[in-house]
Amino acid sequence: MIRFRFTVNSSFLNYLHRPITIPRRQVDYHDLDTGNFERDDLRVICPNGEIMSGNMVYSTAGYGPYYQFRIEGAQNDPLSRLPVGQALIVEMEKVGDVTEIRLIEA
């Protein structure tokens, strides 16, 4: 299982793909590379228990490579109601053939 803290910010709320960048300082990217995690068809469990879909992308920016979850949001999805500054624990785990992302209020 991979676990890290995330604080809801304005880009998370303003973009409908609800981006969550996996922080290198909290997660060893080697674990993502070798963990056999599915990158498409993520199952995202919101703090209120609702289930959403998403995917994981790998890219490079000026500061180096990064992984990011992109959750398929909508105007009034359960994540849109979280306040800026809300702390979440993000847990990522392979469950059968699916990669499950759990967002838990900290």
C-alpha atoms as a PDB file:
ATOM      1  CA  MET A   1       0.000   0.000   0.000  1.00  0.00           C
ATOM      2  CA  ILE A   2       1.146   3.515  -0.791  1.00  0.00           C
ATOM      3  CA  ARG A   3       0.004   6.275   1.536  1.00  0.00           C
ATOM      4  CA  PHE A   4       0.540  10.044   1.604  1.00  0.00           C
ATOM      5  CA  ARG A   5      -1.021  13.294   2.796  1.00  0.00           C
ATOM      6  CA  PHE A   6      -2.700  15.703   0.409  1.00  0.00           C
ATOM      7  CA  THR A   7      -4.140  19.131   1.143  1.00  0.00           C
ATOM      8  CA  VAL A   8      -7.063  20.248  -1.017  1.00  0.00           C
ATOM      9  CA  ASN A   9      -5.982  23.278  -3.051  1.00  0.00           C
ATOM     10  CA  SER A  10      -7.575  25.535  -5.639  1.00  0.00           C
ATOM     11  CA  SER A  11      -6.232  23.591  -8.646  1.00  0.00           C
ATOM     12  CA  PHE A  12      -7.830  20.421  -7.259  1.00  0.00           C
ATOM     13  CA  LEU A  13     -11.174  22.222  -7.042  1.00  0.00           C
ATOM     14  CA  ASN A  14     -10.921  24.324 -10.225  1.00  0.00           C
ATOM     15  CA  TYR A  15     -10.005  21.525 -12.641  1.00  0.00           C
ATOM     16  CA  LEU A  16     -12.686  18.928 -13.294  1.00  0.00           C
ATOM     17  CA  HIS A  17     -10.044  16.213 -13.557  1.00  0.00           C
ATOM     18  CA  ARG A  18      -9.294  16.822  -9.825  1.00  0.00           C
ATOM     19  CA  PRO A  19      -5.485  16.434 -10.046  1.00  0.00           C
ATOM     20  CA  ILE A  20      -3.530  14.985  -7.148  1.00  0.00           C
ATOM     21  CA  THR A  21       0.223  14.932  -7.706  1.00  0.00           C
ATOM     22  CA  ILE A  22       1.935  12.147  -5.779  1.00  0.00           C
ATOM     23  CA  PRO A  23       4.630  13.881  -3.698  1.00  0.00           C
ATOM     24  CA  ARG A  24       8.165  12.529  -4.164  1.00  0.00           C
ATOM     25  CA  ARG A  25       9.059  13.567  -0.632  1.00  0.00           C
ATOM     26  CA  GLN A  26       6.420  11.204   0.781  1.00  0.00           C
ATOM     27  CA  VAL A  27       6.399   8.374  -1.778  1.00  0.00           C
ATOM     28  CA  ASP A  28       9.300   6.465  -3.282  1.00  0.00           C
ATOM     29  CA  TYR A  29       8.497   6.496  -7.015  1.00  0.00           C
ATOM     30  CA  HIS A  30      10.295   3.158  -7.320  1.00  0.00           C
ATOM     31  CA  ASP A  31       7.341   1.656  -5.409  1.00  0.00           C
ATOM     32  CA  LEU A  32       4.977   3.019  -8.074  1.00  0.00           C
ATOM     33  CA  ASP A  33       7.120   1.643 -10.882  1.00  0.00           C
ATOM     34  CA  THR A  34       7.348  -1.846  -9.362  1.00  0.00           C
ATOM     35  CA  GLY A  35       3.965  -2.060  -7.614  1.00  0.00           C
ATOM     36  CA  ASN A  36       2.037  -3.422 -10.614  1.00  0.00           C
ATOM     37  CA  PHE A  37      -0.529  -0.637 -10.255  1.00  0.00           C
ATOM     38  CA  GLU A  38      -3.025  -0.134 -13.055  1.00  0.00           C
ATOM     39  CA  ARG A  39      -2.729   3.337 -14.528  1.00  0.00           C
ATOM     40  CA  ASP A  40      -6.125   3.369 -16.208  1.00  0.00           C
ATOM     41  CA  ASP A  41      -9.482   2.718 -14.629  1.00  0.00           C
ATOM     42  CA  LEU A  42      -8.671   3.720 -11.072  1.00  0.00           C
ATOM     43  CA  ARG A  43     -11.448   3.267  -8.533  1.00  0.00           C
ATOM     44  CA  VAL A  44     -11.510   6.367  -6.330  1.00  0.00           C
ATOM     45  CA  ILE A  45     -13.405   6.181  -3.044  1.00  0.00           C
ATOM     46  CA  CYS A  46     -14.323   9.650  -1.789  1.00  0.00           C
ATOM     47  CA  PRO A  47     -14.400  10.605   1.894  1.00  0.00           C
ATOM     48  CA  ASN A  48     -18.202  10.268   1.882  1.00  0.00           C
ATOM     49  CA  GLY A  49     -17.999   6.745   0.362  1.00  0.00           C
ATOM     50  CA  GLU A  50     -19.060   7.645  -3.183  1.00  0.00           C
ATOM     51  CA  ILE A  51     -17.040   6.006  -5.945  1.00  0.00           C
ATOM     52  CA  MET A  52     -15.503   7.895  -8.867  1.00  0.00           C
ATOM     53  CA  SER A  53     -13.188   6.872 -11.708  1.00  0.00           C
ATOM     54  CA  GLY A  54      -9.806   8.149 -12.711  1.00  0.00           C
ATOM     55  CA  ASN A  55      -6.402   7.366 -14.149  1.00  0.00           C
ATOM     56  CA  MET A  56      -2.767   7.900 -13.269  1.00  0.00           C
ATOM     57  CA  VAL A  57      -0.380   9.762 -15.548  1.00  0.00           C
ATOM     58  CA  TYR A  58       3.389   9.964 -15.580  1.00  0.00           C
ATOM     59  CA  SER A  59       5.034  13.067 -17.009  1.00  0.00           C
ATOM     60  CA  THR A  60       7.983  15.416 -16.620  1.00  0.00           C
ATOM     61  CA  ALA A  61       7.947  19.061 -15.591  1.00  0.00           C
ATOM     62  CA  GLY A  62      10.715  21.598 -14.936  1.00  0.00           C
ATOM     63  CA  TYR A  63      11.345  20.029 -11.531  1.00  0.00           C
ATOM     64  CA  GLY A  64      11.539  16.490 -12.895  1.00  0.00           C
ATOM     65  CA  PRO A  65       9.304  13.463 -13.366  1.00  0.00           C
ATOM     66  CA  TYR A  66       6.010  13.129 -11.528  1.00  0.00           C
ATOM     67  CA  TYR A  67       2.979  10.896 -11.140  1.00  0.00           C
ATOM     68  CA  GLN A  68      -0.492  12.369 -10.890  1.00  0.00           C
ATOM     69  CA  PHE A  69      -4.001  10.995 -10.331  1.00  0.00           C
ATOM     70  CA  ARG A  70      -6.672  12.532 -12.501  1.00  0.00           C
ATOM     71  CA  ILE A  71     -10.144  11.908 -11.187  1.00  0.00           C
ATOM     72  CA  GLU A  72     -13.123  12.208 -13.542  1.00  0.00           C
ATOM     73  CA  GLY A  73     -14.994  15.007 -11.794  1.00  0.00           C
ATOM     74  CA  ALA A  74     -18.086  17.034 -12.556  1.00  0.00           C
ATOM     75  CA  GLN A  75     -19.477  20.402 -11.493  1.00  0.00           C
ATOM     76  CA  ASN A  76     -21.109  19.099  -8.326  1.00  0.00           C
ATOM     77  CA  ASP A  77     -19.216  15.887  -7.590  1.00  0.00           C
ATOM     78  CA  PRO A  78     -18.477  14.921  -3.961  1.00  0.00           C
ATOM     79  CA  LEU A  79     -14.891  16.195  -4.211  1.00  0.00           C
ATOM     80  CA  SER A  80     -16.032  19.644  -5.366  1.00  0.00           C
ATOM     81  CA  ARG A  81     -17.582  20.182  -1.936  1.00  0.00           C
ATOM     82  CA  LEU A  82     -14.313  19.762  -0.023  1.00  0.00           C
ATOM     83  CA  PRO A  83     -12.935  23.044   1.345  1.00  0.00           C
ATOM     84  CA  VAL A  84      -9.524  24.442   0.379  1.00  0.00           C
ATOM     85  CA  GLY A  85      -7.110  23.415   3.107  1.00  0.00           C
ATOM     86  CA  GLN A  86      -8.886  20.134   3.930  1.00  0.00           C
ATOM     87  CA  ALA A  87      -6.225  17.522   4.757  1.00  0.00           C
ATOM     88  CA  LEU A  88      -6.700  14.083   3.225  1.00  0.00           C
ATOM     89  CA  ILE A  89      -4.858  10.810   3.568  1.00  0.00           C
ATOM     90  CA  VAL A  90      -4.528   9.161   0.158  1.00  0.00           C
ATOM     91  CA  GLU A  91      -4.173   5.379   0.156  1.00  0.00           C
ATOM     92  CA  MET A  92      -3.369   3.503  -3.042  1.00  0.00           C
ATOM     93  CA  GLU A  93      -3.659  -0.260  -3.191  1.00  0.00           C
ATOM     94  CA  LYS A  94      -4.015  -2.987  -5.780  1.00  0.00           C
ATOM     95  CA  VAL A  95      -7.324  -4.817  -5.181  1.00  0.00           C
ATOM     96  CA  GLY A  96      -7.639  -7.742  -7.582  1.00  0.00           C
ATOM     97  CA  ASP A  97      -7.275  -6.301 -11.080  1.00  0.00           C
ATOM     98  CA  VAL A  98      -8.125  -2.756  -9.983  1.00  0.00           C
ATOM     99  CA  THR A  99      -6.061   0.001  -8.426  1.00  0.00           C
ATOM    100  CA  GLU A 100      -8.088   1.541  -5.628  1.00  0.00           C
ATOM    101  CA  ILE A 101      -7.519   5.070  -4.324  1.00  0.00           C
ATOM    102  CA  ARG A 102      -9.078   5.902  -0.975  1.00  0.00           C
ATOM    103  CA  LEU A 103      -9.396   9.540   0.089  1.00  0.00           C
ATOM    104  CA  ILE A 104      -9.774   9.762   3.864  1.00  0.00           C
ATOM    105  CA  GLU A 105     -10.324  12.950   5.845  1.00  0.00           C
ATOM    106  CA  ALA A 106      -7.334  13.477   8.114  1.00  0.00           C
END
